Amino acid sequence: MALTVAQKRTLRRALQALVSDVSARAVRRIAPNRTDETKVGGDEDEQPLNEMLQAIASDRNRASGDAIGRAHRALEKLDRAPDEAGACEECGEDIPWARLKAMPYAELCVACQARRDGPQRGPTRRGLTDFR
């Protein structure tokens, strides 16, 4: 079942709002607290904390750029091939409307996204009290 005209309109508005919201946020920069390696001074935890904040800001900036890029690609797809909007780019099946509402830039259905992400690794909880 292809997207209806109303769903495509809703999807376009959501994508435009996402681009607008993310673009309105300033790029986060955190200046280093030590520019000279010979001067340590101050709190010994200050430098690692600052480096952690820089890494977090960098990750946020990268995620914002990725979201804007994916939203632009989805908008281009809506313009270029509106009948293909909402279709998985790998299998061609319809992406569920609930997924598109949650992630308007979704390119893959859940099954194809799971295959692309690969198996989850690491410890898993089997029960409420299992913390291994």
C-alpha atoms as a PDB file:
ATOM      1  CA  MET A   1       0.000   0.000   0.000  1.00  0.00           C
ATOM      2  CA  ALA A   2       1.620   3.235  -1.162  1.00  0.00           C
ATOM      3  CA  LEU A   3       1.453   6.418   0.856  1.00  0.00           C
ATOM      4  CA  THR A   4      -1.636   8.538   0.381  1.00  0.00           C
ATOM      5  CA  VAL A   5      -1.404  12.157  -0.737  1.00  0.00           C
ATOM      6  CA  ALA A   6      -2.202  13.258   2.830  1.00  0.00           C
ATOM      7  CA  GLN A   7       0.531  11.002   4.250  1.00  0.00           C
ATOM      8  CA  LYS A   8       3.067  12.375   1.757  1.00  0.00           C
ATOM      9  CA  ARG A   9       2.087  15.910   2.761  1.00  0.00           C
ATOM     10  CA  THR A  10       2.448  15.007   6.451  1.00  0.00           C
ATOM     11  CA  LEU A  11       5.801  13.354   5.762  1.00  0.00           C
ATOM     12  CA  ARG A  12       7.052  16.435   3.870  1.00  0.00           C
ATOM     13  CA  ARG A  13       6.025  18.744   6.733  1.00  0.00           C
ATOM     14  CA  ALA A  14       7.746  16.486   9.281  1.00  0.00           C
ATOM     15  CA  LEU A  15      10.946  16.409   7.215  1.00  0.00           C
ATOM     16  CA  GLN A  16      10.937  20.187   6.721  1.00  0.00           C
ATOM     17  CA  ALA A  17      10.343  20.713  10.445  1.00  0.00           C
ATOM     18  CA  LEU A  18      13.213  18.358  11.264  1.00  0.00           C
ATOM     19  CA  VAL A  19      15.601  20.229   8.951  1.00  0.00           C
ATOM     20  CA  SER A  20      14.465  23.554  10.404  1.00  0.00           C
ATOM     21  CA  ASP A  21      14.780  22.407  14.027  1.00  0.00           C
ATOM     22  CA  VAL A  22      18.189  20.818  13.619  1.00  0.00           C
ATOM     23  CA  SER A  23      19.505  23.728  11.535  1.00  0.00           C
ATOM     24  CA  ALA A  24      18.359  26.214  14.182  1.00  0.00           C
ATOM     25  CA  ARG A  25      20.554  24.557  16.805  1.00  0.00           C
ATOM     26  CA  ALA A  26      24.005  26.049  16.890  1.00  0.00           C
ATOM     27  CA  VAL A  27      27.031  23.876  16.312  1.00  0.00           C
ATOM     28  CA  ARG A  28      28.373  23.026  19.735  1.00  0.00           C
ATOM     29  CA  ARG A  29      31.969  23.910  20.404  1.00  0.00           C
ATOM     30  CA  ILE A  30      33.873  23.493  23.615  1.00  0.00           C
ATOM     31  CA  ALA A  31      37.206  25.248  23.807  1.00  0.00           C
ATOM     32  CA  PRO A  32      40.094  23.238  25.225  1.00  0.00           C
ATOM     33  CA  ASN A  33      40.921  24.204  28.791  1.00  0.00           C
ATOM     34  CA  ARG A  34      44.631  23.640  28.251  1.00  0.00           C
ATOM     35  CA  THR A  35      46.363  24.826  25.109  1.00  0.00           C
ATOM     36  CA  ASP A  36      49.935  24.430  26.316  1.00  0.00           C
ATOM     37  CA  GLU A  37      51.094  20.893  27.167  1.00  0.00           C
ATOM     38  CA  THR A  38      53.732  22.220  29.614  1.00  0.00           C
ATOM     39  CA  LYS A  39      51.128  23.919  31.802  1.00  0.00           C
ATOM     40  CA  VAL A  40      49.052  21.495  33.800  1.00  0.00           C
ATOM     41  CA  GLY A  41      47.777  23.526  36.756  1.00  0.00           C
ATOM     42  CA  GLY A  42      44.247  23.506  38.118  1.00  0.00           C
ATOM     43  CA  ASP A  43      42.150  20.455  38.754  1.00  0.00           C
ATOM     44  CA  GLU A  44      43.624  17.226  37.376  1.00  0.00           C
ATOM     45  CA  ASP A  45      40.128  16.070  36.379  1.00  0.00           C
ATOM     46  CA  GLU A  46      39.440  19.198  34.366  1.00  0.00           C
ATOM     47  CA  GLN A  47      41.220  18.070  31.185  1.00  0.00           C
ATOM     48  CA  PRO A  48      39.586  14.609  30.927  1.00  0.00           C
ATOM     49  CA  LEU A  49      36.185  16.158  31.643  1.00  0.00           C
ATOM     50  CA  ASN A  50      36.757  18.768  28.947  1.00  0.00           C
ATOM     51  CA  GLU A  51      37.836  16.090  26.456  1.00  0.00           C
ATOM     52  CA  MET A  52      34.703  14.077  27.262  1.00  0.00           C
ATOM     53  CA  LEU A  53      32.507  17.163  26.695  1.00  0.00           C
ATOM     54  CA  GLN A  54      34.288  17.805  23.386  1.00  0.00           C
ATOM     55  CA  ALA A  55      33.627  14.199  22.306  1.00  0.00           C
ATOM     56  CA  ILE A  56      29.944  14.497  23.253  1.00  0.00           C
ATOM     57  CA  ALA A  57      29.617  17.784  21.341  1.00  0.00           C
ATOM     58  CA  SER A  58      31.334  16.220  18.339  1.00  0.00           C
ATOM     59  CA  ASP A  59      28.960  13.231  18.397  1.00  0.00           C
ATOM     60  CA  ARG A  60      25.939  15.553  18.630  1.00  0.00           C
ATOM     61  CA  ASN A  61      27.187  17.645  15.713  1.00  0.00           C
ATOM     62  CA  ARG A  62      27.784  14.526  13.620  1.00  0.00           C
ATOM     63  CA  ALA A  63      24.316  13.147  14.462  1.00  0.00           C
ATOM     64  CA  SER A  64      22.693  16.480  13.585  1.00  0.00           C
ATOM     65  CA  GLY A  65      24.503  16.600  10.252  1.00  0.00           C
ATOM     66  CA  ASP A  66      23.468  13.021   9.529  1.00  0.00           C
ATOM     67  CA  ALA A  67      19.819  13.752  10.348  1.00  0.00           C
ATOM     68  CA  ILE A  68      19.778  16.810   8.081  1.00  0.00           C
ATOM     69  CA  GLY A  69      21.393  14.836   5.251  1.00  0.00           C
ATOM     70  CA  ARG A  70      18.904  11.990   5.566  1.00  0.00           C
ATOM     71  CA  ALA A  71      15.976  14.435   5.723  1.00  0.00           C
ATOM     72  CA  HIS A  72      17.202  16.220   2.571  1.00  0.00           C
ATOM     73  CA  ARG A  73      17.523  12.891   0.749  1.00  0.00           C
ATOM     74  CA  ALA A  74      13.982  11.942   1.791  1.00  0.00           C
ATOM     75  CA  LEU A  75      12.659  15.314   0.577  1.00  0.00           C
ATOM     76  CA  GLU A  76      14.482  14.854  -2.743  1.00  0.00           C
ATOM     77  CA  LYS A  77      12.928  11.396  -3.073  1.00  0.00           C
ATOM     78  CA  LEU A  78       9.475  12.883  -2.436  1.00  0.00           C
ATOM     79  CA  ASP A  79      10.116  15.386  -5.252  1.00  0.00           C
ATOM     80  CA  ARG A  80      11.871  13.054  -7.692  1.00  0.00           C
ATOM     81  CA  ALA A  81       9.835   9.867  -7.243  1.00  0.00           C
ATOM     82  CA  PRO A  82       6.776  10.501  -5.068  1.00  0.00           C
ATOM     83  CA  ASP A  83       5.357   7.043  -5.800  1.00  0.00           C
ATOM     84  CA  GLU A  84       8.470   5.470  -4.220  1.00  0.00           C
ATOM     85  CA  ALA A  85       8.204   7.515  -1.023  1.00  0.00           C
ATOM     86  CA  GLY A  86       7.688   5.239   1.947  1.00  0.00           C
ATOM     87  CA  ALA A  87       9.158   2.193   0.196  1.00  0.00           C
ATOM     88  CA  CYS A  88      12.166   0.338   1.589  1.00  0.00           C
ATOM     89  CA  GLU A  89      15.247   1.051  -0.511  1.00  0.00           C
ATOM     90  CA  GLU A  90      16.457  -2.542  -0.221  1.00  0.00           C
ATOM     91  CA  CYS A  91      13.420  -4.788  -0.555  1.00  0.00           C
ATOM     92  CA  GLY A  92      10.873  -2.347  -1.996  1.00  0.00           C
ATOM     93  CA  GLU A  93       8.233  -3.221   0.603  1.00  0.00           C
ATOM     94  CA  ASP A  94       6.249  -0.433   2.239  1.00  0.00           C
ATOM     95  CA  ILE A  95       7.764   1.047   5.383  1.00  0.00           C
ATOM     96  CA  PRO A  96       5.007   1.059   8.016  1.00  0.00           C
ATOM     97  CA  TRP A  97       3.413   4.470   8.499  1.00  0.00           C
ATOM     98  CA  ALA A  98       4.102   4.348  12.251  1.00  0.00           C
ATOM     99  CA  ARG A  99       7.832   4.001  11.519  1.00  0.00           C
ATOM    100  CA  LEU A 100       7.738   6.921   9.091  1.00  0.00           C
ATOM    101  CA  LYS A 101       5.902   9.073  11.639  1.00  0.00           C
ATOM    102  CA  ALA A 102       8.580   8.288  14.216  1.00  0.00           C
ATOM    103  CA  MET A 103      11.485   8.564  11.752  1.00  0.00           C
ATOM    104  CA  PRO A 104      10.329  10.467   8.647  1.00  0.00           C
ATOM    105  CA  TYR A 105      13.717   9.962   6.976  1.00  0.00           C
ATOM    106  CA  ALA A 106      13.630   6.150   7.334  1.00  0.00           C
ATOM    107  CA  GLU A 107      15.082   4.516   4.227  1.00  0.00           C
ATOM    108  CA  LEU A 108      14.627   0.889   5.246  1.00  0.00           C
ATOM    109  CA  CYS A 109      11.884  -1.272   6.690  1.00  0.00           C
ATOM    110  CA  VAL A 110      12.506  -2.799  10.113  1.00  0.00           C
ATOM    111  CA  ALA A 111      13.613  -6.180   8.713  1.00  0.00           C
ATOM    112  CA  CYS A 112      16.152  -4.684   6.282  1.00  0.00           C
ATOM    113  CA  GLN A 113      17.422  -2.274   8.945  1.00  0.00           C
ATOM    114  CA  ALA A 114      17.919  -5.201  11.340  1.00  0.00           C
ATOM    115  CA  ARG A 115      19.865  -7.116   8.686  1.00  0.00           C
ATOM    116  CA  ARG A 116      22.036  -4.064   7.979  1.00  0.00           C
ATOM    117  CA  ASP A 117      22.692  -3.467  11.684  1.00  0.00           C
ATOM    118  CA  GLY A 118      23.711  -7.093  12.175  1.00  0.00           C
ATOM    119  CA  PRO A 119      23.301  -9.196  15.276  1.00  0.00           C
ATOM    120  CA  GLN A 120      23.360  -7.415  18.609  1.00  0.00           C
ATOM    121  CA  ARG A 121      26.449  -8.324  20.595  1.00  0.00           C
ATOM    122  CA  GLY A 122      27.314  -8.168  24.226  1.00  0.00           C
ATOM    123  CA  PRO A 123      25.532  -9.166  27.391  1.00  0.00           C
ATOM    124  CA  THR A 124      21.782  -9.183  27.422  1.00  0.00           C
ATOM    125  CA  ARG A 125      19.344  -9.293  30.286  1.00  0.00           C
ATOM    126  CA  ARG A 126      17.131 -12.336  30.428  1.00  0.00           C
ATOM    127  CA  GLY A 127      15.122 -11.179  33.417  1.00  0.00           C
ATOM    128  CA  LEU A 128      14.546  -8.199  35.638  1.00  0.00           C
ATOM    129  CA  THR A 129      17.219  -9.286  38.098  1.00  0.00           C
ATOM    130  CA  ASP A 130      19.824 -10.498  35.587  1.00  0.00           C
ATOM    131  CA  PHE A 131      22.627  -7.922  35.468  1.00  0.00           C
ATOM    132  CA  ARG A 132      25.407  -9.968  33.899  1.00  0.00           C
END
